[in-house]
Protein backbone atom coordinates (compact mmCIF):
# COMPACT_ATOMS: atom_id res chain seq x y z
CA UNK A 1 93.59 67.04 97.91
CA UNK A 2 90.13 65.46 97.88
CA UNK A 3 88.84 63.95 101.11
CA UNK A 4 88.29 60.21 101.15
CA UNK A 5 84.66 59.07 101.32
CA UNK A 6 84.54 55.79 103.23
CA UNK A 7 82.18 53.18 101.76
CA UNK A 8 80.65 50.98 104.44
CA UNK A 9 78.77 48.08 102.86
CA UNK A 10 76.04 46.43 104.92
CA UNK A 11 74.66 44.04 102.30
CA UNK A 12 75.60 41.08 104.51
CA UNK A 13 73.84 42.55 107.54
CA UNK A 14 71.07 45.03 106.75
CA UNK A 15 70.65 43.74 103.20
CA UNK A 16 70.17 40.23 104.55
CA UNK A 17 67.21 41.45 106.57
CA UNK A 18 65.08 41.65 103.41
CA UNK A 19 62.46 38.87 103.72
CA UNK A 20 63.84 35.82 101.96
CA UNK A 21 67.36 37.19 101.53
CA UNK A 22 69.04 35.33 104.40
CA UNK A 23 72.33 33.79 103.33
CA UNK A 24 74.45 30.82 104.34
CA UNK A 25 78.04 31.25 105.48
CA UNK A 26 79.37 30.18 102.06
CA UNK A 27 77.13 32.69 100.29
CA UNK A 28 78.28 35.48 102.61
CA UNK A 29 81.89 34.55 101.89
CA UNK A 30 81.34 34.77 98.12
CA UNK A 31 79.83 38.25 98.45
CA UNK A 32 82.49 39.40 100.94
CA UNK A 33 85.27 38.40 98.54
CA UNK A 34 83.59 40.39 95.77
CA UNK A 35 83.24 43.42 98.06
CA UNK A 36 86.93 43.14 98.91
CA UNK A 37 87.75 42.91 95.19
CA UNK A 38 85.72 46.09 94.70
CA UNK A 39 87.84 47.75 97.43
CA UNK A 40 85.00 48.44 99.85
CA UNK A 41 86.48 50.07 102.97
CA UNK A 42 84.28 48.43 105.61
CA UNK A 43 82.23 45.23 105.28
CA UNK A 44 79.54 44.83 107.93
CA UNK A 45 79.40 41.03 107.94
CA UNK A 46 76.48 40.49 110.30
CA UNK A 47 75.08 40.60 113.80
CA UNK A 48 77.03 37.93 115.71
CA UNK A 49 74.68 37.85 118.72
CA UNK A 50 71.62 37.22 116.54
CA UNK A 51 72.28 33.50 116.05
CA UNK A 52 75.04 30.90 116.01
CA UNK A 53 74.84 30.91 112.22
CA UNK A 54 75.41 34.65 112.04
CA UNK A 55 78.32 34.38 114.48
CA UNK A 56 79.98 31.70 112.32
CA UNK A 57 79.36 33.76 109.16
CA UNK A 58 80.97 36.88 110.63
CA UNK A 59 83.88 34.79 111.90
CA UNK A 60 84.37 33.22 108.45
CA UNK A 61 84.36 36.61 106.73
CA UNK A 62 86.75 38.05 109.33
CA UNK A 63 89.14 35.15 108.78
CA UNK A 64 88.97 35.36 104.97
CA UNK A 65 89.04 39.10 104.21
CA UNK A 66 92.42 40.82 104.41
CA UNK A 67 92.10 44.13 102.57
CA UNK A 68 88.85 45.53 104.01
CA UNK A 69 87.85 46.25 107.60
CA UNK A 70 85.33 43.68 108.84
CA UNK A 71 82.59 44.96 111.12
CA UNK A 72 80.13 43.26 113.46
CA UNK A 73 76.93 44.86 114.75
CA UNK A 74 76.05 44.77 118.45
CA UNK A 75 73.34 46.26 120.59
CA UNK A 76 74.59 48.43 123.45
CA UNK A 77 74.87 45.33 125.66
CA UNK A 78 78.02 43.73 126.99
CA UNK A 79 77.02 40.23 125.85
CA UNK A 80 76.36 41.44 122.28
CA UNK A 81 79.64 43.32 122.15
CA UNK A 82 81.61 40.35 123.48
CA UNK A 83 79.99 38.11 120.89
CA UNK A 84 81.03 40.53 118.14
CA UNK A 85 84.55 40.79 119.53
CA UNK A 86 84.92 37.01 119.54
CA UNK A 87 83.68 36.70 115.96
CA UNK A 88 86.09 39.37 114.72
CA UNK A 89 89.24 38.00 116.38
CA UNK A 90 90.71 36.73 113.11
CA UNK A 91 90.24 39.96 111.15
CA UNK A 92 93.28 41.87 109.94
CA UNK A 93 91.26 45.02 110.64
CA UNK A 94 88.09 44.91 112.76
CA UNK A 95 85.35 47.27 113.87
CA UNK A 96 82.54 46.93 116.39
CA UNK A 97 79.39 48.84 115.55
CA UNK A 98 77.16 49.36 118.58
CA UNK A 99 73.82 51.13 118.68
CA UNK A 100 70.92 52.23 120.86
CA UNK A 101 67.73 54.09 119.97
CA UNK A 102 67.52 57.81 120.72
CA UNK A 103 64.16 58.99 119.33
CA UNK A 104 61.43 59.78 121.89
CA UNK A 105 59.11 57.09 120.48
CA UNK A 106 61.81 54.41 120.56
CA UNK A 107 63.07 55.30 124.03
CA UNK A 108 59.57 55.39 125.51
CA UNK A 109 57.79 52.59 123.65
CA UNK A 110 60.59 50.15 122.80
CA UNK A 111 63.40 50.62 125.31
CA UNK A 112 61.28 52.02 128.16
CA UNK A 113 64.30 54.02 129.24
CA UNK A 114 64.82 57.68 130.04
CA UNK A 115 67.20 59.79 127.90
CA UNK A 116 69.72 59.81 130.77
CA UNK A 117 69.61 56.01 130.97
CA UNK A 118 70.11 55.73 127.22
CA UNK A 119 73.10 58.09 127.34
CA UNK A 120 74.65 56.12 130.20
CA UNK A 121 74.13 52.82 128.36
CA UNK A 122 75.67 54.20 125.16
CA UNK A 123 78.82 55.41 126.92
CA UNK A 124 79.14 52.12 128.77
CA UNK A 125 78.79 50.16 125.51
CA UNK A 126 81.46 52.18 123.66
CA UNK A 127 83.91 51.78 126.55
CA UNK A 128 83.23 48.05 126.60
CA UNK A 129 83.77 47.76 122.85
CA UNK A 130 87.12 49.54 123.20
CA UNK A 131 88.33 46.50 125.14
CA UNK A 132 88.15 44.59 121.87
CA UNK A 133 89.23 47.21 119.29
CA UNK A 134 90.12 50.88 118.91
CA UNK A 135 87.82 51.04 115.88
CA UNK A 136 84.38 51.59 117.43
CA UNK A 137 81.34 52.96 115.62
CA UNK A 138 78.27 54.25 117.46
CA UNK A 139 74.78 54.73 116.00
CA UNK A 140 71.88 56.56 117.66
CA UNK A 141 69.08 54.50 116.12
CA UNK A 142 66.26 56.56 114.58
CA UNK A 143 68.43 59.67 114.72
CA UNK A 144 66.32 61.15 111.94
CA UNK A 145 63.43 61.51 114.40
CA UNK A 146 65.54 62.30 117.48
CA UNK A 147 65.82 65.61 119.31
CA UNK A 148 68.96 67.41 118.00
CA UNK A 149 69.85 68.65 121.49
CA UNK A 150 69.84 65.10 122.85
CA UNK A 151 71.82 63.87 119.85
CA UNK A 152 74.49 66.46 120.59
CA UNK A 153 74.68 65.34 124.23
CA UNK A 154 74.94 61.62 123.52
CA UNK A 155 77.34 61.95 120.57
CA UNK A 156 79.70 64.20 122.52
CA UNK A 157 79.71 61.64 125.32
CA UNK A 158 80.43 58.62 123.11
CA UNK A 159 83.29 60.45 121.38
CA UNK A 160 84.81 61.05 124.81
CA UNK A 161 84.26 57.35 125.54
CA UNK A 162 86.27 56.34 122.46
CA UNK A 163 83.93 56.14 119.47
CA UNK A 164 85.83 57.04 116.29
CA UNK A 165 82.86 56.90 113.90
CA UNK A 166 79.44 58.44 114.52
CA UNK A 167 76.75 56.99 112.29
CA UNK A 168 73.54 59.00 111.92
CA UNK A 169 70.75 56.69 110.71
CA UNK A 170 67.52 57.70 109.06
CA UNK A 171 66.17 54.37 110.27
CA UNK A 172 62.65 54.69 108.92
CA UNK A 173 63.41 56.79 105.82
CA UNK A 174 61.53 59.78 107.18
CA UNK A 175 63.87 62.64 106.33
CA UNK A 176 64.08 64.91 103.30
CA UNK A 177 67.47 65.76 101.74
CA UNK A 178 67.71 69.40 102.82
CA UNK A 179 66.53 68.54 106.33
CA UNK A 180 68.93 65.61 106.70
CA UNK A 181 71.91 67.53 105.34
CA UNK A 182 71.13 70.35 107.78
CA UNK A 183 71.08 67.84 110.66
CA UNK A 184 74.59 66.61 109.78
CA UNK A 185 75.89 70.18 109.50
CA UNK A 186 74.28 71.10 112.84
CA UNK A 187 75.79 68.13 114.68
CA UNK A 188 79.27 68.79 113.29
CA UNK A 189 78.99 72.45 114.24
CA UNK A 190 77.51 72.07 117.74
CA UNK A 191 79.41 69.05 119.12
CA UNK A 192 82.65 70.40 120.69
CA UNK A 193 84.74 67.27 119.95
CA UNK A 194 83.20 66.55 116.52
CA UNK A 195 86.62 66.78 114.87
CA UNK A 196 87.71 63.61 116.68
CA UNK A 197 85.26 61.36 114.82
CA UNK A 198 84.16 60.55 111.28
CA UNK A 199 80.51 61.34 110.62
CA UNK A 200 78.63 58.58 108.80
CA UNK A 201 75.08 58.16 107.50
CA UNK A 202 72.79 55.17 107.09
CA UNK A 203 69.63 56.00 105.13
CA UNK A 204 66.58 53.89 104.34
CA UNK A 205 64.51 54.25 101.20
CA UNK A 206 60.92 54.32 102.46
CA UNK A 207 60.25 57.57 100.59
CA UNK A 208 62.71 56.80 97.77
CA UNK A 209 65.20 59.30 99.21
CA UNK A 210 67.96 57.12 100.68
CA UNK A 211 70.59 58.07 98.09
CA UNK A 212 69.50 61.72 97.99
CA UNK A 213 69.67 61.97 101.79
CA UNK A 214 73.09 60.27 101.84
CA UNK A 215 74.51 62.63 99.22
CA UNK A 216 73.07 65.65 101.02
CA UNK A 217 74.85 64.45 104.16
CA UNK A 218 78.13 64.10 102.23
CA UNK A 219 77.79 67.66 100.97
CA UNK A 220 77.42 68.71 104.61
CA UNK A 221 80.52 66.93 105.87
CA UNK A 222 79.69 63.25 106.30
CA UNK A 223 82.66 61.18 105.20
CA UNK A 224 81.24 57.67 105.46
CA UNK A 225 78.13 56.31 103.73
CA UNK A 226 76.52 53.04 104.75
CA UNK A 227 74.91 51.37 101.76
CA UNK A 228 74.15 48.05 100.08
CA UNK A 229 74.56 46.44 96.68
CA UNK A 230 71.40 47.01 94.61
CA UNK A 231 69.93 49.01 97.52
CA UNK A 232 68.97 45.72 99.21
CA UNK A 233 67.56 46.00 102.72
CA UNK A 234 64.59 46.02 105.04
CA UNK A 235 61.28 47.32 103.72
CA UNK A 236 62.08 49.57 100.71
CA UNK A 237 65.81 49.00 101.16
CA UNK A 238 68.94 51.03 101.88
CA UNK A 239 70.95 53.59 99.96
CA UNK A 240 72.31 51.91 96.84
CA UNK A 241 76.11 51.62 96.86
CA UNK A 242 76.41 51.87 93.10
CA UNK A 243 74.31 55.05 92.94
CA UNK A 244 76.19 56.78 95.77
CA UNK A 245 79.62 55.86 94.38
CA UNK A 246 78.85 56.87 90.80
CA UNK A 247 77.10 60.11 91.79
CA UNK A 248 80.19 61.19 93.72
CA UNK A 249 82.56 59.97 90.98
CA UNK A 250 80.58 61.58 88.15
CA UNK A 251 80.03 64.91 89.91
CA UNK A 252 83.52 65.69 91.14
CA UNK A 253 82.75 69.31 90.34
CA UNK A 254 80.34 69.28 93.29
CA UNK A 255 81.78 66.81 95.82
CA UNK A 256 84.94 67.57 97.74
CA UNK A 257 85.65 63.87 98.22
CA UNK A 258 85.89 60.60 96.32
CA UNK A 259 85.91 56.87 97.05
CA UNK A 260 88.57 54.24 96.43
CA UNK A 261 86.01 51.86 94.90
CA UNK A 262 87.02 49.90 91.79
CA UNK A 263 83.87 50.76 89.87
CA UNK A 264 84.47 48.09 87.22
CA UNK A 265 83.46 45.55 89.88
CA UNK A 266 80.03 47.11 90.46
CA UNK A 267 78.04 45.14 87.87
CA UNK A 268 79.64 41.79 88.84
CA UNK A 269 78.78 42.54 92.49
CA UNK A 270 75.22 43.42 91.55
CA UNK A 271 74.75 40.19 89.63
CA UNK A 272 76.27 38.10 92.41
CA UNK A 273 74.02 39.58 95.09
CA UNK A 274 70.95 39.23 92.87
CA UNK A 275 71.71 35.58 92.13
CA UNK A 276 72.38 34.65 95.77
CA UNK A 277 69.44 36.50 97.32
CA UNK A 278 66.93 35.96 94.53
CA UNK A 279 66.17 39.70 94.39
CA UNK A 280 66.29 40.51 90.69
CA UNK A 281 67.39 43.97 89.55
CA UNK A 282 64.67 45.88 87.70
CA UNK A 283 65.66 46.78 84.12
CA UNK A 284 65.48 50.55 84.71
CA UNK A 285 67.61 50.47 87.87
CA UNK A 286 70.31 53.15 87.75
CA UNK A 287 73.85 51.95 86.98
CA UNK A 288 73.18 48.17 87.12
CA UNK A 289 69.80 47.75 85.40
CA UNK A 290 69.74 46.12 81.97
CA UNK A 291 68.41 49.34 80.43
CA UNK A 292 70.77 51.69 82.30
CA UNK A 293 72.82 52.36 79.14
CA UNK A 294 70.21 51.46 76.51
CA UNK A 295 68.88 54.08 74.07
CA UNK A 296 65.51 53.58 72.38
CA UNK A 297 64.71 57.09 71.18
CA UNK A 298 65.97 57.83 67.69
CA UNK A 299 67.11 61.29 68.80
CA UNK A 300 69.11 59.73 71.64
CA UNK A 301 70.60 57.06 69.41
CA UNK A 302 71.65 59.65 66.84
CA UNK A 303 73.25 61.81 69.52
CA UNK A 304 75.19 58.93 71.09
CA UNK A 305 76.45 57.77 67.70
CA UNK A 306 77.75 61.26 66.95
CA UNK A 307 79.21 61.88 70.40
CA UNK A 308 78.67 59.57 73.37
CA UNK A 309 78.50 62.32 75.97
CA UNK A 310 75.39 63.87 74.39
CA UNK A 311 73.27 61.40 76.34
CA UNK A 312 75.67 59.35 78.48
CA UNK A 313 77.18 60.90 81.61
CA UNK A 314 79.35 57.85 82.37
CA UNK A 315 80.76 54.95 80.42
CA UNK A 316 79.13 51.53 80.74
CA UNK A 317 82.59 49.93 80.88
CA UNK A 318 83.51 52.01 83.94
CA UNK A 319 80.91 50.26 86.09
CA UNK A 320 81.56 46.77 84.79
CA UNK A 321 79.28 46.45 81.78
CA UNK A 322 81.26 44.63 79.16
CA UNK A 323 80.94 44.72 75.40
CA UNK A 324 83.12 41.62 75.48
CA UNK A 325 81.57 39.03 73.20
CA UNK A 326 83.81 36.25 74.46
CA UNK A 327 81.90 33.28 73.11
CA UNK A 328 82.38 29.85 74.57
CA UNK A 329 80.75 26.72 73.22
CA UNK A 330 80.75 22.96 73.29
CA UNK A 331 84.29 22.79 71.90
CA UNK A 332 85.71 24.97 74.69
CA UNK A 333 87.94 23.05 77.07
CA UNK A 334 88.10 22.85 80.84
CA UNK A 335 91.11 25.16 81.04
CA UNK A 336 89.41 27.86 78.93
CA UNK A 337 86.34 27.55 81.14
CA UNK A 338 88.39 27.84 84.34
CA UNK A 339 90.40 30.78 82.95
CA UNK A 340 87.26 32.70 81.97
CA UNK A 341 85.75 32.19 85.45
CA UNK A 342 88.95 33.59 86.99
CA UNK A 343 88.80 36.62 84.65
CA UNK A 344 85.23 37.21 85.84
CA UNK A 345 86.36 37.05 89.47
CA UNK A 346 84.42 33.84 90.11
CA UNK A 347 85.99 31.50 92.64
CA UNK A 348 84.73 27.96 93.17
CA UNK A 349 85.41 26.33 96.55
CA UNK A 350 86.85 23.02 95.27
CA UNK A 351 87.86 20.94 92.26
CA UNK A 352 84.62 18.98 92.63
CA UNK A 353 82.66 22.24 92.34
CA UNK A 354 84.67 23.19 89.25
CA UNK A 355 84.03 19.80 87.68
CA UNK A 356 80.32 20.07 88.42
CA UNK A 357 80.15 23.57 86.93
CA UNK A 358 82.06 22.42 83.84
CA UNK A 359 79.64 19.52 83.35
CA UNK A 360 76.73 21.97 83.51
CA UNK A 361 78.55 24.19 81.03
CA UNK A 362 78.80 21.32 78.56
CA UNK A 363 75.09 20.53 78.99
CA UNK A 364 74.23 24.17 78.34
CA UNK A 365 76.54 24.27 75.30
CA UNK A 366 74.52 21.48 73.72
CA UNK A 367 71.35 23.61 74.02
CA UNK A 368 72.72 27.08 73.29
CA UNK A 369 75.08 28.01 70.48
CA UNK A 370 76.71 31.02 72.15
CA UNK A 371 77.51 31.14 75.87
CA UNK A 372 78.31 34.56 77.30
CA UNK A 373 79.66 35.79 80.62
CA UNK A 374 76.15 36.23 82.03
CA UNK A 375 75.42 32.57 81.27
CA UNK A 376 78.55 31.51 83.13
CA UNK A 377 77.58 33.54 86.20
CA UNK A 378 74.11 31.99 86.25
CA UNK A 379 75.60 28.55 85.75
CA UNK A 380 77.94 28.97 88.73
CA UNK A 381 75.01 30.13 90.88
CA UNK A 382 73.15 26.95 89.90
CA UNK A 383 76.20 24.89 90.85
CA UNK A 384 76.43 26.63 94.24
CA UNK A 385 72.76 25.82 94.85
CA UNK A 386 73.42 22.18 93.95
CA UNK A 387 76.24 21.99 96.50
CA UNK A 388 73.85 22.88 99.31
CA UNK A 389 72.10 20.16 101.27
CA UNK A 390 69.58 19.03 98.66
CA UNK A 391 66.58 17.09 99.89
CA UNK A 392 64.76 17.52 96.59
CA UNK A 393 66.29 17.34 93.10
CA UNK A 394 64.62 17.54 89.70
CA UNK A 395 65.21 14.35 87.71
CA UNK A 396 62.88 14.92 84.77
CA UNK A 397 59.92 17.02 83.70
CA UNK A 398 57.46 16.58 80.86
CA UNK A 399 54.72 19.11 80.15
CA UNK A 400 51.98 19.22 77.54
CA UNK A 401 50.40 22.54 76.67
CA UNK A 402 48.31 23.23 73.59
CA UNK A 403 45.48 25.50 72.53
CA UNK A 404 42.13 24.39 73.88
CA UNK A 405 43.60 21.71 76.16
CA UNK A 406 44.34 21.72 79.90
CA UNK A 407 48.11 21.87 80.52
CA UNK A 408 49.49 18.70 82.09
CA UNK A 409 52.83 17.95 83.76
CA UNK A 410 54.62 14.74 84.69
CA UNK A 411 57.54 15.23 87.07
CA UNK A 412 60.15 12.96 88.65
CA UNK A 413 61.79 14.31 91.80
CA UNK A 414 64.55 12.66 93.83
CA UNK A 415 63.67 12.92 97.53
CA UNK A 416 66.78 12.15 99.58
CA UNK A 417 67.97 10.05 96.65
CA UNK A 418 64.74 8.09 96.10
CA UNK A 419 62.91 8.95 92.88
CA UNK A 420 59.20 9.73 93.02
CA UNK A 421 56.85 10.52 90.14
CA UNK A 422 53.67 12.58 90.05
CA UNK A 423 51.47 14.31 87.51
CA UNK A 424 49.00 17.17 87.64
CA UNK A 425 46.89 19.55 85.58
CA UNK A 426 47.20 23.32 85.92
CA UNK A 427 46.21 26.69 84.56
CA UNK A 428 49.46 26.70 82.58
CA UNK A 429 52.55 24.50 82.21
CA UNK A 430 54.34 26.14 85.16
CA UNK A 431 51.26 25.84 87.39
CA UNK A 432 50.91 22.18 86.43
CA UNK A 433 54.59 21.52 87.17
CA UNK A 434 54.38 23.19 90.58
CA UNK A 435 51.24 21.23 91.49
CA UNK A 436 52.91 17.97 90.48
CA UNK A 437 55.95 18.81 92.63
CA UNK A 438 53.69 19.73 95.54
CA UNK A 439 51.90 16.39 95.36
CA UNK A 440 55.29 14.77 96.06
CA UNK A 441 56.77 17.24 98.54
CA UNK A 442 53.56 18.31 100.35
CA UNK A 443 55.36 21.36 101.73
CA UNK A 444 52.33 23.45 102.64
CA UNK A 445 54.30 26.52 101.52
CA UNK A 446 52.60 29.56 99.99
CA UNK A 447 53.92 30.95 96.70
CA UNK A 448 54.37 34.72 97.17
CA UNK A 449 56.37 35.68 94.08
CA UNK A 450 57.09 34.27 90.64
CA UNK A 451 59.22 36.26 88.18
CA UNK A 452 61.18 35.55 85.00
CA UNK A 453 64.16 37.46 83.60
CA UNK A 454 66.22 36.76 80.51
CA UNK A 455 69.92 36.38 81.21
CA UNK A 456 71.07 37.34 77.72
CA UNK A 457 69.34 38.36 74.50
CA UNK A 458 68.02 36.05 71.82
CA UNK A 459 65.33 33.39 71.62
CA UNK A 460 67.77 30.76 72.87
CA UNK A 461 68.67 32.83 75.95
CA UNK A 462 68.53 31.26 79.36
CA UNK A 463 65.61 32.33 81.50
CA UNK A 464 66.26 32.99 85.17
CA UNK A 465 63.24 32.31 87.37
CA UNK A 466 62.82 33.54 90.94
CA UNK A 467 60.18 32.20 93.32
CA UNK A 468 59.44 33.27 96.87
CA UNK A 469 57.84 30.84 99.32
CA UNK A 470 56.59 31.38 102.85
CA UNK A 471 55.75 28.87 105.56
CA UNK A 472 55.29 29.36 109.28
CA UNK A 473 56.54 32.95 109.14
CA UNK A 474 59.72 31.96 107.28
CA UNK A 475 60.32 33.37 103.79
CA UNK A 476 62.83 32.04 101.27
CA UNK A 477 63.75 32.82 97.68
CA UNK A 478 64.72 30.21 95.12
CA UNK A 479 66.32 30.60 91.70
CA UNK A 480 66.82 28.42 88.68
CA UNK A 481 67.99 29.00 85.12
CA UNK A 482 67.57 27.08 81.90
CA UNK A 483 66.89 27.68 78.22
CA UNK A 484 63.49 26.10 78.95
CA UNK A 485 61.45 28.43 81.19
CA UNK A 486 59.29 25.62 82.60
CA UNK A 487 62.38 23.65 83.65
CA UNK A 488 63.93 26.81 85.12
CA UNK A 489 60.69 27.32 87.05
CA UNK A 490 60.77 23.80 88.46
CA UNK A 491 64.43 24.23 89.45
CA UNK A 492 63.71 27.52 91.23
CA UNK A 493 60.72 26.01 93.07
CA UNK A 494 62.78 23.06 94.29
CA UNK A 495 65.65 25.39 95.24
CA UNK A 496 63.28 27.35 97.48
CA UNK A 497 61.85 24.13 98.96
CA UNK A 498 65.39 22.94 99.72
CA UNK A 499 66.01 26.19 101.59
CA UNK A 500 62.85 25.68 103.64
CA UNK A 501 64.00 22.18 104.60
CA UNK A 502 67.73 22.90 104.82
CA UNK A 503 69.68 22.30 108.03
CA UNK A 504 71.96 25.17 107.04
CA UNK A 505 71.10 28.08 109.30
CA UNK A 506 69.24 30.84 107.51
CA UNK A 507 67.62 32.42 110.55
CA UNK A 508 66.42 35.98 109.98
CA UNK A 509 68.88 38.33 111.69
CA UNK A 510 67.77 40.34 114.71
CA UNK A 511 64.93 37.94 115.55
């Protein structure tokens, strides 16, 4: 019998800590439902003590998810643990994840505590968490740079205190695979009561080694991996869920364990997270990138045509890529539209939302002959953005751009329902449109990122534009899609501005 490898997804907590990736409660719920559909074992929904918004988000996920364990993060403080316990009350299965730093630099410079004080605090925190649930996880933060002797002491003590999962984080992505795997093997060997807990790992990607370190740990006895969709996370990100899961699944000749993940839900999850956070997936990203199963070389193409396994080690369909050319168009009815959304695992919160999405579908069908699944997913993301508290809405946009002439834009924006018009010149049509919008909004925000991706192939494909704005230390991402790139750009810019002005709480976690 193969061991079970527990998949602990922290997209909603650590992934959300990427600058600009903060999510509303409704957005977290959409992702949580997809993670549950994918059969993720543990969903870390947030850090309830960080803010009232995060508390409400964790509570909403705990109340909605039935088939996965819902986890809340808490520092090794009674007030944090109580806040997590309160948020998780409605969960069918809950876990409290408490942590304290154990590396010399963290203990001395950040905590200003001695190792003995840190050990005492850790034990106290685990015992306190046990008042809320028997499922308690403990993490020695920055374990990758901690003294192994001290790690053995503190981990033995927290197991005795009731911790059932020990998570070993490479918090700053400092470790190398052989070194990190050896650390896991050493801890399991040296800690007398190690058999009473599941060893877990949480690796960051600062050196591009998060997945490699995680897999090395699994080969050395770790049976839980903490990861995120698309590798989203602070700085260079976390271990990518899709890469960990498919490495273990593909190389069953090497790994003595496997996951229960429904891998056909991986690509839909990737697209959902990308659309909500505004973090596009690069084309050459393993498993979920647009080029992951593309073959350009003639030698490769010839080999695949003769026998797929000459150059493909897994099937695109197994991770959710679909060759389905289900074409919908302007003659498709509301029921066909609703049915296809259900087949794609897309849930809309209300009949009004469905009606709004269907109206957008009809508008798109007038512009684009063939509408594919990817178009529908982008369309629903646009509808979800429209349902947020919109202060600014694009009414109309006209741009003029020709060789030898300065591009010019005329824009009409509804500001709290009142239409305002402005025009501006720019270095290009998008620049002119943004300047015209700014003359109305006067946001004072700085544009940090502008990127365009095609949603499907063809010259009539929708373009998906992502912009990142910053103001006063706050960073937000906005997205918009349209068959016209300039209109998609204006939509994405206004989406980001709405986030900056929104009353919906998007506070950065752990501030």
